[in-house]
């Protein structure tokens, strides 16, 4: 029988990416839930959901409060979703003997390093979002459950709202843009992250991934290094859009929340332990562009078929 795996956050970028590749992992029975079924901002909802459900072999928490700037004015809500609800999930995973896979962030670091961050490096968040995510990590580590915390950075995809889609939209509206060049990291294609997560849930890893060691910390992003400016330039080059990108400093674009200036993550541990290949960020960006193009064609075809159907119905009247 396939192992039952609960994925929380079905409507997010990672949740939709996991749905896209679910068929590649026939040994897993992935069940996806959104906020309408399991609202992490409400402790009673979380408790009631699991009380009514059969135990799972694994729980993937792909949901989070991710409004970085808004978290500065909503720290209680950010903490509720990113910390207290995560502590609840860890306790439930321990009670059910389920493996917990939780997504965290590069924002647990202060960005002052000049080499890729290791899982063992000191964590010093510089904003409320980062503090809430770190509190969630610490709650899992103290819970006694088994599983993994996977920190990632700069996630984008063909789904939802993200930097890639914002740039593509702005590129059609403006002749030039100013984009920050002094924040450095690595973009992460959500589909690549989804595949890395499911690698934990191979037929052997479903029981052995954490073993007696409890919870392990991992880093995952695509390979390579770039700034937001470099990322924007690459997007427009691949899309063949004639939009000039001007480099600007962070201080020229003030935001409510501070951002780390250096967010490159060291992926050697996850590569070594899972035996996975981490794609280069430009290659993954091209893959995402191709997916967007395919989706555009599908949408255009669907629209055409709908128009033809409407014309046919009218002709039959």
Protein backbone atom coordinates (compact mmCIF):
# COMPACT_ATOMS: atom_id res chain seq x y z
CA UNK A 1 0.00 0.00 0.00
CA UNK A 2 1.25 3.56 -0.72
CA UNK A 3 2.42 5.51 2.30
CA UNK A 4 -0.04 8.28 3.26
CA UNK A 5 1.57 11.72 3.26
CA UNK A 6 -0.20 14.91 4.27
CA UNK A 7 0.88 18.10 2.47
CA UNK A 8 -0.22 21.29 4.22
CA UNK A 9 -0.41 24.37 1.99
CA UNK A 10 -1.82 23.00 -1.27
CA UNK A 11 -2.42 26.45 -2.80
CA UNK A 12 1.09 27.80 -2.26
CA UNK A 13 3.97 27.63 -4.72
CA UNK A 14 5.51 24.55 -3.12
CA UNK A 15 2.16 22.85 -2.57
CA UNK A 16 1.18 23.26 -6.23
CA UNK A 17 4.64 22.11 -7.35
CA UNK A 18 4.28 18.97 -5.22
CA UNK A 19 0.91 18.32 -6.85
CA UNK A 20 2.52 18.69 -10.27
CA UNK A 21 5.10 15.96 -9.64
CA UNK A 22 3.05 13.69 -7.35
CA UNK A 23 2.54 11.10 -10.10
CA UNK A 24 6.32 10.57 -10.25
CA UNK A 25 6.14 8.99 -6.77
CA UNK A 26 3.61 6.17 -6.99
CA UNK A 27 4.72 4.69 -3.67
CA UNK A 28 3.31 7.76 -1.91
CA UNK A 29 -0.33 8.69 -1.43
CA UNK A 30 -0.14 12.48 -1.20
CA UNK A 31 -3.12 14.21 0.39
CA UNK A 32 -3.21 17.99 -0.06
CA UNK A 33 -5.03 20.39 2.24
CA UNK A 34 -5.42 24.16 2.17
CA UNK A 35 -6.36 26.80 4.70
CA UNK A 36 -10.07 26.05 4.26
CA UNK A 37 -9.46 22.59 5.75
CA UNK A 38 -6.49 23.21 8.04
CA UNK A 39 -5.93 26.80 9.15
CA UNK A 40 -2.58 27.09 10.93
CA UNK A 41 -3.65 30.39 12.49
CA UNK A 42 -6.26 28.52 14.56
CA UNK A 43 -5.06 25.95 17.09
CA UNK A 44 -8.52 24.39 17.43
CA UNK A 45 -8.75 23.83 13.66
CA UNK A 46 -5.40 22.03 13.66
CA UNK A 47 -6.42 19.86 16.61
CA UNK A 48 -9.79 18.98 15.10
CA UNK A 49 -8.34 18.12 11.70
CA UNK A 50 -5.91 15.54 13.06
CA UNK A 51 -8.42 14.14 15.55
CA UNK A 52 -10.72 13.29 12.62
CA UNK A 53 -8.00 11.95 10.29
CA UNK A 54 -6.24 8.60 10.18
CA UNK A 55 -2.53 8.82 11.14
CA UNK A 56 -0.08 9.73 8.39
CA UNK A 57 3.33 8.24 7.63
CA UNK A 58 4.65 11.74 6.97
CA UNK A 59 3.56 15.38 7.16
CA UNK A 60 5.01 18.02 4.84
CA UNK A 61 4.42 21.54 6.11
CA UNK A 62 4.58 23.70 2.98
CA UNK A 63 2.44 26.44 4.54
CA UNK A 64 3.70 29.58 6.27
CA UNK A 65 3.10 33.24 6.93
CA UNK A 66 5.44 34.69 4.27
CA UNK A 67 4.49 38.38 4.09
CA UNK A 68 7.91 39.57 5.22
CA UNK A 69 7.14 43.30 5.43
CA UNK A 70 3.64 42.83 6.84
CA UNK A 71 5.05 40.64 9.61
CA UNK A 72 6.63 43.78 11.11
CA UNK A 73 3.13 45.03 11.95
CA UNK A 74 1.61 41.56 12.48
CA UNK A 75 4.21 39.76 14.63
CA UNK A 76 1.59 37.89 16.67
CA UNK A 77 -0.05 36.37 13.58
CA UNK A 78 3.34 35.52 12.04
CA UNK A 79 4.35 33.79 15.29
CA UNK A 80 1.02 31.95 15.45
CA UNK A 81 1.49 30.42 11.99
CA UNK A 82 5.26 30.04 11.80
CA UNK A 83 5.96 29.04 15.40
CA UNK A 84 3.01 27.97 17.56
CA UNK A 85 1.23 26.00 14.82
CA UNK A 86 4.52 24.37 13.88
CA UNK A 87 5.01 23.32 17.50
CA UNK A 88 1.53 21.76 17.34
CA UNK A 89 2.42 19.88 14.15
CA UNK A 90 5.64 18.60 15.71
CA UNK A 91 3.75 17.30 18.75
CA UNK A 92 1.18 15.60 16.52
CA UNK A 93 3.95 14.06 14.38
CA UNK A 94 5.60 12.69 17.53
CA UNK A 95 2.30 11.23 18.79
CA UNK A 96 1.59 9.61 15.41
CA UNK A 97 5.20 8.48 14.85
CA UNK A 98 5.03 10.42 11.56
CA UNK A 99 7.98 11.95 9.78
CA UNK A 100 7.72 15.77 9.72
CA UNK A 101 9.24 17.75 6.85
CA UNK A 102 9.16 21.49 7.50
CA UNK A 103 10.23 24.35 5.24
CA UNK A 104 12.23 27.18 6.77
CA UNK A 105 14.17 30.12 5.40
CA UNK A 106 17.52 31.79 4.83
CA UNK A 107 16.07 34.69 6.84
CA UNK A 108 17.12 32.96 10.08
CA UNK A 109 20.61 34.34 9.26
CA UNK A 110 21.71 37.95 9.57
CA UNK A 111 23.39 38.04 6.15
CA UNK A 112 26.82 39.16 7.38
CA UNK A 113 28.73 36.09 6.15
CA UNK A 114 30.78 36.02 2.94
CA UNK A 115 30.67 32.25 2.43
CA UNK A 116 27.65 29.96 1.94
CA UNK A 117 25.76 29.40 5.18
CA UNK A 118 26.11 26.00 6.87
CA UNK A 119 23.35 24.36 8.90
CA UNK A 120 25.56 24.75 11.97
CA UNK A 121 26.18 28.50 11.61
CA UNK A 122 24.77 30.86 14.28
CA UNK A 123 21.24 32.08 13.59
CA UNK A 124 20.46 35.78 14.12
CA UNK A 125 17.28 36.89 12.30
CA UNK A 126 16.99 40.58 11.38
CA UNK A 127 13.20 40.79 11.00
CA UNK A 128 9.96 39.49 12.55
CA UNK A 129 9.42 36.95 9.79
CA UNK A 130 12.87 35.43 10.38
CA UNK A 131 12.32 35.40 14.15
CA UNK A 132 8.99 33.57 13.78
CA UNK A 133 10.52 30.99 11.43
CA UNK A 134 13.47 30.42 13.78
CA UNK A 135 11.07 29.91 16.70
CA UNK A 136 9.31 27.27 14.60
CA UNK A 137 12.61 25.50 13.95
CA UNK A 138 13.47 25.50 17.63
CA UNK A 139 10.05 24.12 18.54
CA UNK A 140 10.52 21.18 16.16
CA UNK A 141 14.02 20.47 17.41
CA UNK A 142 12.75 20.41 21.02
CA UNK A 143 9.65 18.32 20.26
CA UNK A 144 11.11 14.83 20.12
CA UNK A 145 9.58 14.10 16.71
CA UNK A 146 11.46 12.66 13.73
CA UNK A 147 11.99 14.55 10.51
CA UNK A 148 13.83 17.32 8.75
CA UNK A 149 13.84 21.10 8.57
CA UNK A 150 14.78 22.34 5.10
CA UNK A 151 15.85 25.96 4.81
CA UNK A 152 15.45 27.50 1.38
CA UNK A 153 15.66 30.91 -0.29
CA UNK A 154 14.14 33.12 -3.00
CA UNK A 155 11.44 30.64 -4.05
CA UNK A 156 9.69 31.18 -7.39
CA UNK A 157 7.55 29.06 -9.73
CA UNK A 158 4.90 29.19 -12.41
CA UNK A 159 2.33 29.34 -9.61
CA UNK A 160 1.14 32.18 -7.41
CA UNK A 161 2.90 35.49 -6.89
CA UNK A 162 6.69 35.70 -6.90
CA UNK A 163 9.64 37.76 -8.14
CA UNK A 164 9.71 36.06 -11.56
CA UNK A 165 6.08 36.79 -12.33
CA UNK A 166 6.33 40.32 -10.94
CA UNK A 167 9.28 41.06 -13.24
CA UNK A 168 7.46 39.62 -16.26
CA UNK A 169 4.45 41.81 -15.51
CA UNK A 170 6.49 44.96 -14.92
CA UNK A 171 8.55 44.24 -18.03
CA UNK A 172 5.42 44.62 -20.16
CA UNK A 173 4.47 47.89 -18.45
CA UNK A 174 7.77 49.77 -18.17
CA UNK A 175 10.82 50.48 -20.27
CA UNK A 176 13.20 50.31 -17.31
CA UNK A 177 13.31 49.14 -13.69
CA UNK A 178 15.55 49.64 -10.68
CA UNK A 179 16.43 46.37 -8.92
CA UNK A 180 18.57 45.82 -5.81
CA UNK A 181 22.10 44.57 -6.49
CA UNK A 182 23.56 44.42 -2.95
CA UNK A 183 21.43 41.52 -1.69
CA UNK A 184 23.00 38.25 -2.82
CA UNK A 185 21.59 34.74 -2.71
CA UNK A 186 20.29 31.95 -4.93
CA UNK A 187 16.83 31.61 -6.49
CA UNK A 188 15.04 28.31 -5.83
CA UNK A 189 12.65 26.79 -8.36
CA UNK A 190 9.81 25.32 -6.31
CA UNK A 191 9.66 22.18 -8.46
CA UNK A 192 13.31 21.40 -7.65
CA UNK A 193 12.60 21.92 -3.95
CA UNK A 194 9.54 19.66 -4.22
CA UNK A 195 11.64 16.87 -5.74
CA UNK A 196 14.22 17.23 -2.98
CA UNK A 197 11.50 16.93 -0.33
CA UNK A 198 10.05 13.80 -1.90
CA UNK A 199 13.55 12.31 -2.00
CA UNK A 200 13.24 12.14 1.79
CA UNK A 201 10.18 9.98 1.33
CA UNK A 202 11.65 7.23 -0.80
CA UNK A 203 10.57 3.76 0.22
CA UNK A 204 13.48 3.45 2.64
CA UNK A 205 13.64 7.10 3.74
CA UNK A 206 10.03 7.08 4.93
CA UNK A 207 11.24 5.17 7.98
CA UNK A 208 14.98 5.86 8.03
CA UNK A 209 15.42 9.54 7.06
CA UNK A 210 15.88 10.77 10.61
CA UNK A 211 16.20 7.44 12.35
CA UNK A 212 17.04 7.75 16.01
CA UNK A 213 18.71 11.12 15.43
CA UNK A 214 15.39 12.97 15.63
CA UNK A 215 15.30 16.09 13.45
CA UNK A 216 18.01 17.06 10.98
CA UNK A 217 18.63 20.52 9.51
CA UNK A 218 19.28 20.86 5.76
CA UNK A 219 19.80 23.65 3.26
CA UNK A 220 18.35 23.58 -0.24
CA UNK A 221 18.35 26.18 -3.00
CA UNK A 222 19.50 25.96 -6.57
CA UNK A 223 23.24 26.17 -7.25
CA UNK A 224 25.09 29.36 -8.07
CA UNK A 225 25.04 32.92 -6.77
CA UNK A 226 23.32 36.08 -7.97
CA UNK A 227 21.78 39.35 -6.81
CA UNK A 228 18.17 40.36 -7.37
CA UNK A 229 19.53 42.57 -10.15
CA UNK A 230 21.21 39.57 -11.82
CA UNK A 231 18.03 37.54 -11.40
CA UNK A 232 15.92 40.23 -13.06
CA UNK A 233 18.39 40.55 -15.94
CA UNK A 234 18.27 36.78 -16.52
CA UNK A 235 14.46 36.80 -16.49
CA UNK A 236 14.25 39.46 -19.19
CA UNK A 237 16.95 37.81 -21.29
CA UNK A 238 15.14 34.46 -21.26
CA UNK A 239 11.79 36.12 -21.95
CA UNK A 240 13.38 38.22 -24.72
CA UNK A 241 11.85 41.34 -23.20
CA UNK A 242 13.33 44.75 -23.91
CA UNK A 243 13.29 46.20 -20.39
CA UNK A 244 16.40 47.92 -19.04
CA UNK A 245 17.37 46.95 -15.48
CA UNK A 246 19.26 49.49 -13.39
CA UNK A 247 21.17 48.37 -10.27
CA UNK A 248 20.16 50.14 -7.05
CA UNK A 249 21.31 49.82 -3.44
CA UNK A 250 19.07 48.51 -0.66
CA UNK A 251 19.06 51.94 1.00
CA UNK A 252 17.45 53.39 -2.14
CA UNK A 253 14.49 51.03 -1.72
CA UNK A 254 13.54 51.11 1.99
CA UNK A 255 11.12 48.46 3.28
CA UNK A 256 9.50 47.90 6.71
CA UNK A 257 11.56 44.71 7.21
CA UNK A 258 15.34 44.48 6.99
CA UNK A 259 16.76 41.84 4.64
CA UNK A 260 20.01 39.86 4.96
CA UNK A 261 22.59 41.00 2.41
CA UNK A 262 24.09 37.52 1.90
CA UNK A 263 21.79 34.48 1.76
CA UNK A 264 23.73 31.84 -0.18
CA UNK A 265 23.13 28.40 1.36
CA UNK A 266 25.64 25.53 1.46
CA UNK A 267 23.94 22.41 0.03
CA UNK A 268 26.72 19.86 0.57
CA UNK A 269 24.88 18.05 3.40
CA UNK A 270 21.65 17.42 1.48
CA UNK A 271 23.57 16.42 -1.66
CA UNK A 272 25.70 13.98 0.31
CA UNK A 273 22.96 12.39 2.42
CA UNK A 274 20.22 12.17 -0.22
CA UNK A 275 22.46 11.64 -3.23
CA UNK A 276 20.62 14.30 -5.21
CA UNK A 277 21.85 16.64 -7.92
CA UNK A 278 21.08 20.32 -7.32
CA UNK A 279 20.38 22.19 -10.60
CA UNK A 280 22.05 25.50 -11.50
CA UNK A 281 19.68 28.42 -10.99
CA UNK A 282 19.77 29.63 -14.61
CA UNK A 283 18.91 26.13 -15.88
CA UNK A 284 15.96 25.95 -13.51
CA UNK A 285 14.82 29.43 -14.50
CA UNK A 286 14.71 28.25 -18.11
CA UNK A 287 12.69 25.19 -17.06
CA UNK A 288 10.21 27.43 -15.28
CA UNK A 289 9.96 29.72 -18.30
CA UNK A 290 9.18 26.68 -20.45
CA UNK A 291 6.45 25.62 -17.99
CA UNK A 292 4.95 29.11 -18.11
CA UNK A 293 4.96 28.96 -21.92
CA UNK A 294 3.27 25.54 -21.91
CA UNK A 295 0.66 26.77 -19.45
CA UNK A 296 0.04 29.82 -21.64
CA UNK A 297 -0.53 27.56 -24.65
CA UNK A 298 -2.87 25.34 -22.64
CA UNK A 299 -4.81 28.37 -21.43
CA UNK A 300 -5.05 29.76 -24.97
CA UNK A 301 -6.22 26.37 -26.28
CA UNK A 302 -8.81 26.09 -23.51
CA UNK A 303 -10.06 29.61 -24.29
CA UNK A 304 -10.30 28.80 -28.01
CA UNK A 305 -12.19 25.55 -27.33
CA UNK A 306 -14.57 27.43 -25.07
CA UNK A 307 -15.21 30.06 -27.72
CA UNK A 308 -15.82 27.37 -30.33
CA UNK A 309 -18.24 25.60 -27.99
CA UNK A 310 -20.15 28.83 -27.39
CA UNK A 311 -20.38 29.47 -31.14
CA UNK A 312 -21.62 25.89 -31.67
CA UNK A 313 -24.28 26.31 -28.97
CA UNK A 314 -25.47 29.56 -30.50
CA UNK A 315 -25.67 27.97 -33.97
CA UNK A 316 -27.87 25.18 -32.56
CA UNK A 317 -30.46 27.57 -31.22
